[in-house]
Amino acid sequence: MRQYIIPTEEKYKMEDEKIIYDKICEECGKDENSVKQNLIIHGFKICNSCKLSKTIFPL
């Protein structure tokens, strides 16, 4: 198995893009920390306000 070495600048750039992408809500597009928490707990990339609105109005 071959191992590829990624330059440190590109590695940090990819990690930064991933972190930013994980914080964006799929419903409203807000950038919040609760999105990543809800992804881990519920499996959906939605913020707390969208989660609450889906709970009250499930349509």
PDB file of N, CA and C in Angstrom:
ATOM      1  N   MET A   1       0.844  -1.178   0.000  1.00  0.00           N
ATOM      2  CA  MET A   1       0.000   0.000   0.000  1.00  0.00           C
ATOM      3  C   MET A   1       0.890   1.241   0.000  1.00  0.00           C
ATOM      4  N   ARG A   2       0.596   2.149  -0.887  1.00  0.00           N
ATOM      5  CA  ARG A   2       1.374   3.379  -0.973  1.00  0.00           C
ATOM      6  C   ARG A   2       0.791   4.449  -0.073  1.00  0.00           C
ATOM      7  N   GLN A   3       1.659   5.223   0.508  1.00  0.00           N
ATOM      8  CA  GLN A   3       1.219   6.352   1.316  1.00  0.00           C
ATOM      9  C   GLN A   3       1.590   7.631   0.573  1.00  0.00           C
ATOM     10  N   TYR A   4       0.646   8.528   0.523  1.00  0.00           N
ATOM     11  CA  TYR A   4       0.878   9.788  -0.143  1.00  0.00           C
ATOM     12  C   TYR A   4       1.057  10.865   0.909  1.00  0.00           C
ATOM     13  N   ILE A   5       2.033  11.693   0.702  1.00  0.00           N
ATOM     14  CA  ILE A   5       2.304  12.776   1.642  1.00  0.00           C
ATOM     15  C   ILE A   5       1.622  14.034   1.131  1.00  0.00           C
ATOM     16  N   ILE A   6       0.782  14.611   1.973  1.00  0.00           N
ATOM     17  CA  ILE A   6       0.083  15.841   1.629  1.00  0.00           C
ATOM     18  C   ILE A   6       0.823  17.000   2.286  1.00  0.00           C
ATOM     19  N   PRO A   7       1.193  18.010   1.525  1.00  0.00           N
ATOM     20  CA  PRO A   7       1.848  19.171   2.131  1.00  0.00           C
ATOM     21  C   PRO A   7       0.972  19.765   3.232  1.00  0.00           C
ATOM     22  N   THR A   8       1.599  20.280   4.263  1.00  0.00           N
ATOM     23  CA  THR A   8       0.859  20.753   5.441  1.00  0.00           C
ATOM     24  C   THR A   8      -0.121  21.860   5.101  1.00  0.00           C
ATOM     25  N   GLU A   9       0.215  22.730   4.168  1.00  0.00           N
ATOM     26  CA  GLU A   9      -0.696  23.825   3.816  1.00  0.00           C
ATOM     27  C   GLU A   9      -2.001  23.282   3.228  1.00  0.00           C
ATOM     28  N   GLU A  10      -1.907  22.309   2.349  1.00  0.00           N
ATOM     29  CA  GLU A  10      -3.107  21.724   1.742  1.00  0.00           C
ATOM     30  C   GLU A  10      -3.909  20.946   2.767  1.00  0.00           C
ATOM     31  N   LYS A  11      -3.229  20.271   3.699  1.00  0.00           N
ATOM     32  CA  LYS A  11      -3.915  19.502   4.731  1.00  0.00           C
ATOM     33  C   LYS A  11      -4.767  20.422   5.602  1.00  0.00           C
ATOM     34  N   TYR A  12      -4.208  21.530   6.041  1.00  0.00           N
ATOM     35  CA  TYR A  12      -4.959  22.465   6.866  1.00  0.00           C
ATOM     36  C   TYR A  12      -6.089  23.107   6.079  1.00  0.00           C
ATOM     37  N   LYS A  13      -5.874  23.367   4.802  1.00  0.00           N
ATOM     38  CA  LYS A  13      -6.908  23.959   3.970  1.00  0.00           C
ATOM     39  C   LYS A  13      -8.101  23.012   3.845  1.00  0.00           C
ATOM     40  N   MET A  14      -7.830  21.713   3.643  1.00  0.00           N
ATOM     41  CA  MET A  14      -8.915  20.741   3.540  1.00  0.00           C
ATOM     42  C   MET A  14      -9.663  20.619   4.866  1.00  0.00           C
ATOM     43  N   GLU A  15      -8.944  20.630   5.997  1.00  0.00           N
ATOM     44  CA  GLU A  15      -9.593  20.536   7.302  1.00  0.00           C
ATOM     45  C   GLU A  15     -10.453  21.762   7.561  1.00  0.00           C
ATOM     46  N   ASP A  16      -9.960  22.946   7.193  1.00  0.00           N
ATOM     47  CA  ASP A  16     -10.726  24.173   7.390  1.00  0.00           C
ATOM     48  C   ASP A  16     -12.003  24.161   6.565  1.00  0.00           C
ATOM     49  N   GLU A  17     -11.935  23.720   5.320  1.00  0.00           N
ATOM     50  CA  GLU A  17     -13.120  23.657   4.472  1.00  0.00           C
ATOM     51  C   GLU A  17     -14.135  22.671   5.034  1.00  0.00           C
ATOM     52  N   LYS A  18     -13.670  21.552   5.576  1.00  0.00           N
ATOM     53  CA  LYS A  18     -14.560  20.554   6.148  1.00  0.00           C
ATOM     54  C   LYS A  18     -15.270  21.108   7.382  1.00  0.00           C
ATOM     55  N   ILE A  19     -14.555  21.812   8.220  1.00  0.00           N
ATOM     56  CA  ILE A  19     -15.142  22.393   9.424  1.00  0.00           C
ATOM     57  C   ILE A  19     -16.202  23.422   9.045  1.00  0.00           C
ATOM     58  N   ILE A  20     -15.922  24.253   8.082  1.00  0.00           N
ATOM     59  CA  ILE A  20     -16.891  25.257   7.654  1.00  0.00           C
ATOM     60  C   ILE A  20     -18.120  24.577   7.061  1.00  0.00           C
ATOM     61  N   TYR A  21     -17.929  23.526   6.284  1.00  0.00           N
ATOM     62  CA  TYR A  21     -19.053  22.830   5.655  1.00  0.00           C
ATOM     63  C   TYR A  21     -19.930  22.135   6.693  1.00  0.00           C
ATOM     64  N   ASP A  22     -19.335  21.637   7.774  1.00  0.00           N
ATOM     65  CA  ASP A  22     -20.107  20.937   8.796  1.00  0.00           C
ATOM     66  C   ASP A  22     -20.992  21.868   9.610  1.00  0.00           C
ATOM     67  N   LYS A  23     -20.764  23.150   9.578  1.00  0.00           N
ATOM     68  CA  LYS A  23     -21.529  24.087  10.393  1.00  0.00           C
ATOM     69  C   LYS A  23     -22.678  24.742   9.647  1.00  0.00           C
ATOM     70  N   ILE A  24     -22.896  24.423   8.379  1.00  0.00           N
ATOM     71  CA  ILE A  24     -23.931  25.076   7.584  1.00  0.00           C
ATOM     72  C   ILE A  24     -25.203  24.235   7.591  1.00  0.00           C
ATOM     73  N   CYS A  25     -26.319  24.856   7.973  1.00  0.00           N
ATOM     74  CA  CYS A  25     -27.612  24.188   8.034  1.00  0.00           C
ATOM     75  C   CYS A  25     -28.128  23.932   6.618  1.00  0.00           C
ATOM     76  N   GLU A  26     -28.681  22.735   6.386  1.00  0.00           N
ATOM     77  CA  GLU A  26     -29.213  22.397   5.064  1.00  0.00           C
ATOM     78  C   GLU A  26     -30.556  23.067   4.795  1.00  0.00           C
ATOM     79  N   GLU A  27     -31.296  23.403   5.823  1.00  0.00           N
ATOM     80  CA  GLU A  27     -32.617  24.007   5.651  1.00  0.00           C
ATOM     81  C   GLU A  27     -32.536  25.505   5.384  1.00  0.00           C
ATOM     82  N   CYS A  28     -31.871  26.237   6.277  1.00  0.00           N
ATOM     83  CA  CYS A  28     -31.880  27.695   6.182  1.00  0.00           C
ATOM     84  C   CYS A  28     -30.548  28.284   5.713  1.00  0.00           C
ATOM     85  N   GLY A  29     -29.466  27.524   5.771  1.00  0.00           N
ATOM     86  CA  GLY A  29     -28.175  28.004   5.306  1.00  0.00           C
ATOM     87  C   GLY A  29     -27.389  28.795   6.337  1.00  0.00           C
ATOM     88  N   LYS A  30     -27.856  28.828   7.598  1.00  0.00           N
ATOM     89  CA  LYS A  30     -27.137  29.544   8.651  1.00  0.00           C
ATOM     90  C   LYS A  30     -25.878  28.788   9.036  1.00  0.00           C
ATOM     91  N   ASP A  31     -24.900  29.532   9.526  1.00  0.00           N
ATOM     92  CA  ASP A  31     -23.642  28.964   9.987  1.00  0.00           C
ATOM     93  C   ASP A  31     -23.669  28.931  11.512  1.00  0.00           C
ATOM     94  N   GLU A  32     -23.983  27.775  12.106  1.00  0.00           N
ATOM     95  CA  GLU A  32     -24.113  27.651  13.556  1.00  0.00           C
ATOM     96  C   GLU A  32     -23.403  26.399  14.063  1.00  0.00           C
ATOM     97  N   ASN A  33     -22.981  26.442  15.318  1.00  0.00           N
ATOM     98  CA  ASN A  33     -22.316  25.298  15.932  1.00  0.00           C
ATOM     99  C   ASN A  33     -23.285  24.157  16.212  1.00  0.00           C
ATOM    100  N   SER A  34     -24.563  24.459  16.382  1.00  0.00           N
ATOM    101  CA  SER A  34     -25.546  23.429  16.701  1.00  0.00           C
ATOM    102  C   SER A  34     -25.754  22.440  15.550  1.00  0.00           C
ATOM    103  N   VAL A  35     -25.362  22.814  14.347  1.00  0.00           N
ATOM    104  CA  VAL A  35     -25.533  21.932  13.179  1.00  0.00           C
ATOM    105  C   VAL A  35     -24.691  20.670  13.353  1.00  0.00           C
ATOM    106  N   LYS A  36     -23.461  20.835  13.753  1.00  0.00           N
ATOM    107  CA  LYS A  36     -22.578  19.680  13.930  1.00  0.00           C
ATOM    108  C   LYS A  36     -23.070  18.799  15.081  1.00  0.00           C
ATOM    109  N   GLN A  37     -23.569  19.409  16.141  1.00  0.00           N
ATOM    110  CA  GLN A  37     -24.107  18.643  17.267  1.00  0.00           C
ATOM    111  C   GLN A  37     -25.319  17.828  16.832  1.00  0.00           C
ATOM    112  N   ASN A  38     -26.219  18.447  16.084  1.00  0.00           N
ATOM    113  CA  ASN A  38     -27.413  17.739  15.618  1.00  0.00           C
ATOM    114  C   ASN A  38     -27.059  16.651  14.609  1.00  0.00           C
ATOM    115  N   LEU A  39     -26.009  16.849  13.842  1.00  0.00           N
ATOM    116  CA  LEU A  39     -25.559  15.826  12.902  1.00  0.00           C
ATOM    117  C   LEU A  39     -25.099  14.589  13.658  1.00  0.00           C
ATOM    118  N   ILE A  40     -24.379  14.786  14.744  1.00  0.00           N
ATOM    119  CA  ILE A  40     -23.891  13.661  15.532  1.00  0.00           C
ATOM    120  C   ILE A  40     -25.041  12.970  16.264  1.00  0.00           C
ATOM    121  N   ILE A  41     -25.925  13.747  16.873  1.00  0.00           N
ATOM    122  CA  ILE A  41     -26.999  13.186  17.693  1.00  0.00           C
ATOM    123  C   ILE A  41     -28.132  12.601  16.842  1.00  0.00           C
ATOM    124  N   HIS A  42     -28.624  13.364  15.859  1.00  0.00           N
ATOM    125  CA  HIS A  42     -29.822  12.973  15.116  1.00  0.00           C
ATOM    126  C   HIS A  42     -29.558  12.491  13.691  1.00  0.00           C
ATOM    127  N   GLY A  43     -28.405  12.815  13.144  1.00  0.00           N
ATOM    128  CA  GLY A  43     -28.090  12.399  11.782  1.00  0.00           C
ATOM    129  C   GLY A  43     -28.556  13.381  10.723  1.00  0.00           C
ATOM    130  N   PHE A  44     -29.009  14.568  11.130  1.00  0.00           N
ATOM    131  CA  PHE A  44     -29.449  15.595  10.185  1.00  0.00           C
ATOM    132  C   PHE A  44     -28.606  16.846  10.364  1.00  0.00           C
ATOM    133  N   LYS A  45     -28.283  17.496   9.262  1.00  0.00           N
ATOM    134  CA  LYS A  45     -27.504  18.724   9.330  1.00  0.00           C
ATOM    135  C   LYS A  45     -28.443  19.924   9.376  1.00  0.00           C
ATOM    136  N   ILE A  46     -29.089  20.126  10.522  1.00  0.00           N
ATOM    137  CA  ILE A  46     -29.994  21.256  10.699  1.00  0.00           C
ATOM    138  C   ILE A  46     -29.665  21.956  12.010  1.00  0.00           C
ATOM    139  N   CYS A  47     -29.922  23.251  12.064  1.00  0.00           N
ATOM    140  CA  CYS A  47     -29.668  24.025  13.282  1.00  0.00           C
ATOM    141  C   CYS A  47     -30.812  23.805  14.274  1.00  0.00           C
ATOM    142  N   ASN A  48     -30.633  24.320  15.482  1.00  0.00           N
ATOM    143  CA  ASN A  48     -31.640  24.120  16.522  1.00  0.00           C
ATOM    144  C   ASN A  48     -32.969  24.782  16.174  1.00  0.00           C
ATOM    145  N   SER A  49     -32.937  25.946  15.548  1.00  0.00           N
ATOM    146  CA  SER A  49     -34.192  26.616  15.204  1.00  0.00           C
ATOM    147  C   SER A  49     -34.965  25.827  14.137  1.00  0.00           C
ATOM    148  N   CYS A  50     -34.281  25.259  13.163  1.00  0.00           N
ATOM    149  CA  CYS A  50     -34.956  24.440  12.153  1.00  0.00           C
ATOM    150  C   CYS A  50     -35.448  23.135  12.759  1.00  0.00           C
ATOM    151  N   LYS A  51     -34.683  22.579  13.689  1.00  0.00           N
ATOM    152  CA  LYS A  51     -35.110  21.352  14.364  1.00  0.00           C
ATOM    153  C   LYS A  51     -36.388  21.600  15.157  1.00  0.00           C
ATOM    154  N   LEU A  52     -36.456  22.738  15.839  1.00  0.00           N
ATOM    155  CA  LEU A  52     -37.639  23.081  16.608  1.00  0.00           C
ATOM    156  C   LEU A  52     -38.847  23.298  15.696  1.00  0.00           C
ATOM    157  N   SER A  53     -38.634  24.005  14.605  1.00  0.00           N
ATOM    158  CA  SER A  53     -39.753  24.243  13.687  1.00  0.00           C
ATOM    159  C   SER A  53     -40.228  22.950  13.036  1.00  0.00           C
ATOM    160  N   LYS A  54     -39.330  22.008  12.752  1.00  0.00           N
ATOM    161  CA  LYS A  54     -39.748  20.713  12.190  1.00  0.00           C
ATOM    162  C   LYS A  54     -40.470  19.874  13.225  1.00  0.00           C
ATOM    163  N   THR A  55     -40.135  20.053  14.512  1.00  0.00           N
ATOM    164  CA  THR A  55     -40.810  19.322  15.568  1.00  0.00           C
ATOM    165  C   THR A  55     -42.237  19.834  15.743  1.00  0.00           C
ATOM    166  N   ILE A  56     -42.411  21.155  15.691  1.00  0.00           N
ATOM    167  CA  ILE A  56     -43.738  21.760  15.860  1.00  0.00           C
ATOM    168  C   ILE A  56     -44.578  21.594  14.599  1.00  0.00           C
ATOM    169  N   PHE A  57     -43.984  21.875  13.440  1.00  0.00           N
ATOM    170  CA  PHE A  57     -44.685  21.781  12.149  1.00  0.00           C
ATOM    171  C   PHE A  57     -43.972  20.741  11.282  1.00  0.00           C
ATOM    172  N   PRO A  58     -44.346  19.464  11.383  1.00  0.00           N
ATOM    173  CA  PRO A  58     -43.597  18.400  10.697  1.00  0.00           C
ATOM    174  C   PRO A  58     -43.758  18.340   9.179  1.00  0.00           C
ATOM    175  N   LEU A  59     -44.463  19.243   8.558  1.00  0.00           N
ATOM    176  CA  LEU A  59     -44.658  19.205   7.113  1.00  0.00           C
ATOM    177  C   LEU A  59     -43.439  19.627   6.427  1.00  0.00           C
TER     178      LEU A  59
END
